[in-house]
Amino acid sequence: MTTCAAHSTTSTITVTRGENRTIRVTVRDAAKALVNITGAKAWFTVKERIESVTPLIRKRNLAAGGADVQILITLPQTDADKTGKFEIYLLPADFECLKYGVMYICDAWIELAGKRYQVIKKRPFVIDGAVTTDFT
């Protein structure tokens, strides 16, 4: 399986400190056909380095032990505009421990019918600083 998201597979994911961000992912097979991912488990992880043991951001869908507010597989997967799609939700609190301007690394996986596929491959992940930091 492969992925086709709004960005190419090697582009950097940049999030401005303080904002919410939704990463939309579309899963396709080797023939570029959309894949029905109903019931799949999904994970998204950001680390300082690939070999780091502890993730800085970890998101999972409900089937993988997380929640639909972390990762949501768009249903029904039988609709042409929803097949193969899932969304990863990032919140301002997710970035509190990250430094702006530092290059982190992220990826996303799905598990379908007992087989795992990396659908976002080792992408650079960067936090952009913001002028406004007090939202009270």
N, C-alpha and C. Protein backbone atom coordinates (compact mmCIF):
# COMPACT_ATOMS: atom_id res chain seq x y z
N MET A 1 0.84 -1.17 0.00
CA MET A 1 0.00 0.00 0.00
C MET A 1 0.87 1.23 0.00
N THR A 2 0.32 2.28 -0.53
CA THR A 2 1.01 3.56 -0.56
C THR A 2 0.07 4.62 -0.03
N THR A 3 0.53 5.85 -0.01
CA THR A 3 -0.31 6.94 0.44
C THR A 3 -0.28 8.07 -0.56
N CYS A 4 -1.35 8.79 -0.61
CA CYS A 4 -1.42 9.99 -1.42
C CYS A 4 -2.13 11.03 -0.58
N ALA A 5 -1.38 11.91 0.03
CA ALA A 5 -1.97 12.94 0.88
C ALA A 5 -1.87 14.28 0.16
N ALA A 6 -2.18 15.33 0.86
CA ALA A 6 -2.14 16.66 0.27
C ALA A 6 -0.72 17.07 -0.09
N HIS A 7 0.26 16.42 0.51
CA HIS A 7 1.66 16.74 0.25
C HIS A 7 2.33 15.54 -0.38
N SER A 8 3.47 15.76 -1.03
CA SER A 8 4.23 14.63 -1.54
C SER A 8 4.80 13.85 -0.36
N THR A 9 5.25 12.64 -0.60
CA THR A 9 5.68 11.78 0.49
C THR A 9 6.97 12.25 1.16
N THR A 10 7.69 13.20 0.57
CA THR A 10 8.93 13.66 1.18
C THR A 10 8.84 15.08 1.72
N SER A 11 7.72 15.76 1.56
CA SER A 11 7.62 17.14 2.02
C SER A 11 7.54 17.19 3.55
N THR A 12 7.98 18.31 4.07
CA THR A 12 7.97 18.53 5.51
C THR A 12 6.57 18.88 5.98
N ILE A 13 6.16 18.31 7.10
CA ILE A 13 4.91 18.71 7.74
C ILE A 13 5.28 19.82 8.72
N THR A 14 4.73 21.01 8.51
CA THR A 14 5.02 22.16 9.37
C THR A 14 3.74 22.60 10.06
N VAL A 15 3.82 22.77 11.37
CA VAL A 15 2.68 23.20 12.17
C VAL A 15 3.10 24.43 12.97
N THR A 16 2.29 25.46 12.95
CA THR A 16 2.58 26.66 13.71
C THR A 16 2.16 26.45 15.16
N ARG A 17 3.06 26.78 16.07
CA ARG A 17 2.78 26.62 17.50
C ARG A 17 1.48 27.35 17.85
N GLY A 18 0.59 26.67 18.58
CA GLY A 18 -0.67 27.26 19.01
C GLY A 18 -1.86 26.92 18.13
N GLU A 19 -1.62 26.33 16.95
CA GLU A 19 -2.76 26.04 16.07
C GLU A 19 -3.16 24.57 16.12
N ASN A 20 -4.39 24.31 15.74
CA ASN A 20 -4.86 22.94 15.53
C ASN A 20 -4.50 22.57 14.10
N ARG A 21 -4.25 21.30 13.86
CA ARG A 21 -3.89 20.86 12.51
C ARG A 21 -4.50 19.50 12.26
N THR A 22 -5.08 19.32 11.09
CA THR A 22 -5.60 18.03 10.65
C THR A 22 -4.77 17.58 9.47
N ILE A 23 -4.20 16.40 9.58
CA ILE A 23 -3.46 15.80 8.47
C ILE A 23 -4.38 14.77 7.84
N ARG A 24 -4.70 14.97 6.58
CA ARG A 24 -5.59 14.06 5.85
C ARG A 24 -4.74 13.10 5.02
N VAL A 25 -5.03 11.82 5.16
CA VAL A 25 -4.26 10.78 4.47
C VAL A 25 -5.21 9.95 3.63
N THR A 26 -4.78 9.61 2.42
CA THR A 26 -5.54 8.72 1.54
C THR A 26 -4.68 7.50 1.27
N VAL A 27 -5.23 6.32 1.54
CA VAL A 27 -4.49 5.07 1.37
C VAL A 27 -4.87 4.43 0.05
N ARG A 28 -3.85 4.09 -0.72
CA ARG A 28 -4.02 3.44 -2.02
C ARG A 28 -3.15 2.20 -2.07
N ASP A 29 -3.53 1.24 -2.91
CA ASP A 29 -2.71 0.04 -3.07
C ASP A 29 -1.65 0.29 -4.14
N ALA A 30 -0.86 -0.72 -4.45
CA ALA A 30 0.24 -0.57 -5.42
C ALA A 30 -0.26 -0.17 -6.80
N ALA A 31 -1.50 -0.50 -7.12
CA ALA A 31 -2.08 -0.14 -8.43
C ALA A 31 -2.76 1.23 -8.37
N LYS A 32 -2.58 1.96 -7.27
CA LYS A 32 -3.14 3.29 -7.04
C LYS A 32 -4.65 3.29 -6.81
N ALA A 33 -5.23 2.13 -6.55
CA ALA A 33 -6.66 2.04 -6.24
C ALA A 33 -6.88 2.36 -4.77
N LEU A 34 -7.97 3.06 -4.46
CA LEU A 34 -8.31 3.36 -3.08
C LEU A 34 -8.57 2.08 -2.30
N VAL A 35 -8.14 2.05 -1.04
CA VAL A 35 -8.27 0.87 -0.20
C VAL A 35 -9.34 1.12 0.87
N ASN A 36 -10.28 0.21 1.01
CA ASN A 36 -11.28 0.29 2.07
C ASN A 36 -10.58 -0.06 3.39
N ILE A 37 -10.49 0.91 4.29
CA ILE A 37 -9.77 0.71 5.55
C ILE A 37 -10.71 0.59 6.75
N THR A 38 -11.95 0.20 6.50
CA THR A 38 -12.91 -0.03 7.59
C THR A 38 -12.31 -1.03 8.58
N GLY A 39 -12.34 -0.68 9.86
CA GLY A 39 -11.85 -1.58 10.90
C GLY A 39 -10.34 -1.58 11.07
N ALA A 40 -9.63 -0.78 10.29
CA ALA A 40 -8.16 -0.75 10.39
C ALA A 40 -7.72 -0.07 11.68
N LYS A 41 -6.54 -0.44 12.14
CA LYS A 41 -5.86 0.27 13.22
C LYS A 41 -4.96 1.30 12.56
N ALA A 42 -4.81 2.47 13.20
CA ALA A 42 -3.98 3.53 12.63
C ALA A 42 -3.14 4.18 13.72
N TRP A 43 -1.89 4.49 13.39
CA TRP A 43 -0.95 5.13 14.31
C TRP A 43 -0.24 6.28 13.61
N PHE A 44 0.07 7.32 14.40
CA PHE A 44 0.90 8.44 13.94
C PHE A 44 1.86 8.76 15.06
N THR A 45 3.13 8.91 14.74
CA THR A 45 4.15 9.14 15.76
C THR A 45 5.12 10.22 15.30
N VAL A 46 5.50 11.08 16.25
CA VAL A 46 6.56 12.07 16.03
C VAL A 46 7.64 11.79 17.06
N LYS A 47 8.90 11.72 16.59
CA LYS A 47 10.04 11.50 17.48
C LYS A 47 11.14 12.51 17.16
N GLU A 48 12.06 12.62 18.10
CA GLU A 48 13.22 13.48 17.87
C GLU A 48 14.15 12.85 16.84
N ARG A 49 14.36 11.55 16.97
CA ARG A 49 15.17 10.77 16.02
C ARG A 49 14.49 9.42 15.83
N ILE A 50 14.75 8.77 14.71
CA ILE A 50 14.14 7.48 14.44
C ILE A 50 14.41 6.51 15.58
N GLU A 51 15.63 6.49 16.09
CA GLU A 51 16.01 5.52 17.11
C GLU A 51 15.54 5.89 18.52
N SER A 52 14.91 7.05 18.69
CA SER A 52 14.36 7.43 20.00
C SER A 52 13.33 6.41 20.45
N VAL A 53 13.36 6.08 21.73
CA VAL A 53 12.43 5.09 22.27
C VAL A 53 11.07 5.73 22.56
N THR A 54 11.08 6.93 23.11
CA THR A 54 9.85 7.58 23.53
C THR A 54 9.35 8.55 22.47
N PRO A 55 8.12 8.37 22.01
CA PRO A 55 7.56 9.33 21.05
C PRO A 55 7.22 10.65 21.74
N LEU A 56 7.37 11.75 21.00
CA LEU A 56 6.98 13.06 21.51
C LEU A 56 5.49 13.31 21.28
N ILE A 57 4.98 12.80 20.17
CA ILE A 57 3.54 12.83 19.87
C ILE A 57 3.16 11.42 19.44
N ARG A 58 2.08 10.93 20.00
CA ARG A 58 1.59 9.58 19.64
C ARG A 58 0.08 9.65 19.51
N LYS A 59 -0.41 9.33 18.33
CA LYS A 59 -1.85 9.33 18.07
C LYS A 59 -2.25 7.94 17.59
N ARG A 60 -3.43 7.48 18.05
CA ARG A 60 -3.96 6.18 17.64
C ARG A 60 -5.47 6.31 17.46
N ASN A 61 -6.01 5.53 16.54
CA ASN A 61 -7.46 5.51 16.43
C ASN A 61 -8.05 4.58 17.48
N LEU A 62 -9.36 4.55 17.58
CA LEU A 62 -10.05 3.74 18.58
C LEU A 62 -9.67 2.27 18.50
N ALA A 63 -9.59 1.72 17.29
CA ALA A 63 -9.26 0.30 17.11
C ALA A 63 -7.85 -0.03 17.58
N ALA A 64 -6.96 0.98 17.60
CA ALA A 64 -5.57 0.77 18.03
C ALA A 64 -5.35 1.16 19.49
N GLY A 65 -6.44 1.43 20.21
CA GLY A 65 -6.32 1.76 21.62
C GLY A 65 -6.31 3.24 21.93
N GLY A 66 -6.56 4.06 20.92
CA GLY A 66 -6.62 5.51 21.12
C GLY A 66 -8.05 5.98 21.14
N ALA A 67 -8.32 7.05 20.39
CA ALA A 67 -9.67 7.62 20.36
C ALA A 67 -9.91 8.28 19.01
N ASP A 68 -11.18 8.41 18.66
CA ASP A 68 -11.53 9.06 17.40
C ASP A 68 -11.11 10.53 17.37
N VAL A 69 -10.83 11.14 18.52
CA VAL A 69 -10.37 12.53 18.54
C VAL A 69 -8.87 12.61 18.27
N GLN A 70 -8.19 11.46 18.16
CA GLN A 70 -6.77 11.43 17.80
C GLN A 70 -6.61 11.13 16.31
N ILE A 71 -7.18 10.01 15.88
CA ILE A 71 -7.20 9.62 14.46
C ILE A 71 -8.60 9.08 14.17
N LEU A 72 -9.16 9.53 13.06
CA LEU A 72 -10.50 9.08 12.69
C LEU A 72 -10.47 8.52 11.27
N ILE A 73 -10.92 7.29 11.13
CA ILE A 73 -11.10 6.70 9.80
C ILE A 73 -12.46 7.18 9.32
N THR A 74 -12.47 7.84 8.17
CA THR A 74 -13.68 8.44 7.62
C THR A 74 -14.64 7.36 7.15
N LEU A 75 -15.88 7.41 7.64
CA LEU A 75 -16.88 6.41 7.29
C LEU A 75 -18.05 7.05 6.58
N PRO A 76 -18.80 6.33 5.77
CA PRO A 76 -18.55 4.94 5.39
C PRO A 76 -17.49 4.86 4.30
N GLN A 77 -16.65 3.87 4.40
CA GLN A 77 -15.56 3.67 3.44
C GLN A 77 -16.07 3.24 2.06
N THR A 78 -17.35 3.00 1.94
CA THR A 78 -17.93 2.60 0.65
C THR A 78 -18.24 3.81 -0.23
N ASP A 79 -18.23 5.03 0.35
CA ASP A 79 -18.44 6.24 -0.45
C ASP A 79 -17.14 6.59 -1.17
N ALA A 80 -17.24 6.95 -2.43
CA ALA A 80 -16.06 7.24 -3.24
C ALA A 80 -15.22 8.37 -2.64
N ASP A 81 -15.87 9.36 -2.01
CA ASP A 81 -15.11 10.48 -1.45
C ASP A 81 -14.55 10.19 -0.06
N LYS A 82 -14.83 9.00 0.50
CA LYS A 82 -14.32 8.65 1.83
C LYS A 82 -13.43 7.41 1.82
N THR A 83 -13.48 6.61 0.79
CA THR A 83 -12.71 5.37 0.74
C THR A 83 -11.22 5.67 0.86
N GLY A 84 -10.57 4.93 1.75
CA GLY A 84 -9.13 5.05 1.95
C GLY A 84 -8.68 6.24 2.76
N LYS A 85 -9.62 7.01 3.30
CA LYS A 85 -9.25 8.25 3.97
C LYS A 85 -9.31 8.13 5.49
N PHE A 86 -8.30 8.75 6.12
CA PHE A 86 -8.36 8.95 7.56
C PHE A 86 -7.72 10.28 7.90
N GLU A 87 -8.04 10.79 9.10
CA GLU A 87 -7.56 12.10 9.54
C GLU A 87 -6.83 11.96 10.86
N ILE A 88 -5.71 12.67 10.95
CA ILE A 88 -4.91 12.72 12.18
C ILE A 88 -5.10 14.12 12.75
N TYR A 89 -5.52 14.19 14.02
CA TYR A 89 -5.82 15.48 14.64
C TYR A 89 -4.70 15.87 15.60
N LEU A 90 -4.10 17.03 15.35
CA LEU A 90 -3.04 17.56 16.21
C LEU A 90 -3.57 18.80 16.92
N LEU A 91 -3.29 18.87 18.23
CA LEU A 91 -3.77 19.97 19.07
C LEU A 91 -2.60 20.80 19.57
N PRO A 92 -2.83 22.06 19.94
CA PRO A 92 -1.74 22.88 20.46
C PRO A 92 -0.98 22.22 21.62
N ALA A 93 -1.67 21.50 22.49
CA ALA A 93 -1.01 20.84 23.62
C ALA A 93 -0.01 19.78 23.16
N ASP A 94 -0.22 19.22 21.96
CA ASP A 94 0.70 18.20 21.44
C ASP A 94 2.10 18.76 21.20
N PHE A 95 2.21 20.09 21.01
CA PHE A 95 3.49 20.70 20.64
C PHE A 95 4.20 21.39 21.79
N GLU A 96 3.60 21.36 22.98
CA GLU A 96 4.18 22.10 24.10
C GLU A 96 5.61 21.68 24.43
N CYS A 97 5.93 20.41 24.25
CA CYS A 97 7.28 19.93 24.58
C CYS A 97 8.24 20.03 23.39
N LEU A 98 7.77 20.50 22.24
CA LEU A 98 8.62 20.58 21.04
C LEU A 98 9.17 21.99 20.86
N LYS A 99 10.38 22.09 20.37
CA LYS A 99 11.03 23.37 20.11
C LYS A 99 10.78 23.78 18.67
N TYR A 100 10.54 25.07 18.47
CA TYR A 100 10.32 25.49 17.09
C TYR A 100 11.66 25.57 16.35
N GLY A 101 11.60 25.29 15.07
CA GLY A 101 12.78 25.32 14.22
C GLY A 101 13.60 24.03 14.25
N VAL A 102 13.26 23.09 15.12
CA VAL A 102 13.98 21.82 15.21
C VAL A 102 13.31 20.82 14.28
N MET A 103 14.10 20.03 13.57
CA MET A 103 13.54 19.03 12.67
C MET A 103 13.32 17.72 13.42
N TYR A 104 12.05 17.33 13.54
CA TYR A 104 11.68 16.05 14.12
C TYR A 104 11.35 15.11 12.96
N ILE A 105 10.93 13.89 13.27
CA ILE A 105 10.57 12.95 12.22
C ILE A 105 9.25 12.27 12.59
N CYS A 106 8.42 12.02 11.58
CA CYS A 106 7.13 11.39 11.85
C CYS A 106 6.83 10.33 10.80
N ASP A 107 5.89 9.47 11.15
CA ASP A 107 5.35 8.51 10.18
C ASP A 107 3.96 8.10 10.62
N ALA A 108 3.25 7.41 9.73
CA ALA A 108 1.93 6.87 10.05
C ALA A 108 1.82 5.47 9.47
N TRP A 109 1.10 4.63 10.18
CA TRP A 109 0.91 3.22 9.81
C TRP A 109 -0.56 2.86 9.91
N ILE A 110 -0.96 1.90 9.13
CA ILE A 110 -2.25 1.26 9.34
C ILE A 110 -2.04 -0.24 9.39
N GLU A 111 -2.93 -0.90 10.09
CA GLU A 111 -2.95 -2.37 10.12
C GLU A 111 -4.33 -2.79 9.65
N LEU A 112 -4.36 -3.59 8.61
CA LEU A 112 -5.60 -4.04 8.00
C LEU A 112 -5.50 -5.52 7.75
N ALA A 113 -6.47 -6.27 8.25
CA ALA A 113 -6.49 -7.73 8.10
C ALA A 113 -5.19 -8.36 8.60
N GLY A 114 -4.66 -7.83 9.72
CA GLY A 114 -3.46 -8.40 10.33
C GLY A 114 -2.15 -8.03 9.67
N LYS A 115 -2.19 -7.18 8.64
CA LYS A 115 -0.96 -6.76 7.95
C LYS A 115 -0.76 -5.27 8.15
N ARG A 116 0.50 -4.86 8.42
CA ARG A 116 0.81 -3.45 8.66
C ARG A 116 1.47 -2.82 7.44
N TYR A 117 1.08 -1.55 7.22
CA TYR A 117 1.62 -0.80 6.09
C TYR A 117 1.97 0.61 6.55
N GLN A 118 3.16 1.07 6.18
CA GLN A 118 3.57 2.44 6.48
C GLN A 118 2.99 3.34 5.39
N VAL A 119 2.07 4.24 5.76
CA VAL A 119 1.38 5.05 4.77
C VAL A 119 1.89 6.49 4.71
N ILE A 120 2.59 6.95 5.73
CA ILE A 120 3.40 8.17 5.66
C ILE A 120 4.79 7.73 6.06
N LYS A 121 5.72 7.84 5.15
CA LYS A 121 7.07 7.33 5.39
C LYS A 121 7.99 8.43 5.90
N LYS A 122 8.59 8.22 7.04
CA LYS A 122 9.64 9.06 7.63
C LYS A 122 9.69 10.47 7.07
N ARG A 123 8.74 11.28 7.47
CA ARG A 123 8.64 12.67 7.02
C ARG A 123 9.23 13.62 8.03
N PRO A 124 9.92 14.65 7.56
CA PRO A 124 10.35 15.70 8.49
C PRO A 124 9.12 16.40 9.08
N PHE A 125 9.21 16.77 10.35
CA PHE A 125 8.11 17.41 11.08
C PHE A 125 8.70 18.60 11.83
N VAL A 126 8.17 19.80 11.59
CA VAL A 126 8.75 21.02 12.16
C VAL A 126 7.66 21.87 12.80
N ILE A 127 7.99 22.47 13.94
CA ILE A 127 7.10 23.42 14.60
C ILE A 127 7.60 24.81 14.24
N ASP A 128 6.70 25.63 13.73
CA ASP A 128 7.02 27.00 13.38
C ASP A 128 6.62 27.88 14.55
N GLY A 129 7.47 28.82 14.91
CA GLY A 129 7.16 29.73 16.02
C GLY A 129 6.01 30.66 15.67
N ALA A 130 5.39 31.24 16.67
CA ALA A 130 4.30 32.18 16.47
C ALA A 130 4.56 33.42 17.31
N VAL A 131 4.11 34.57 16.81
CA VAL A 131 4.25 35.83 17.55
C VAL A 131 3.27 35.81 18.72
N THR A 132 2.02 35.48 18.45
CA THR A 132 1.02 35.42 19.52
C THR A 132 1.15 34.09 20.24
N THR A 133 1.36 34.16 21.55
CA THR A 133 1.48 32.94 22.34
C THR A 133 0.54 32.93 23.53
N ASP A 134 -0.12 34.06 23.81
CA ASP A 134 -1.03 34.17 24.94
C ASP A 134 -2.45 34.23 24.40
N PHE A 135 -3.21 33.14 24.58
CA PHE A 135 -4.57 33.08 24.08
C PHE A 135 -5.60 33.18 25.19
N THR A 136 -5.22 33.79 26.33
CA THR A 136 -6.17 33.92 27.44
C THR A 136 -6.90 35.22 27.39
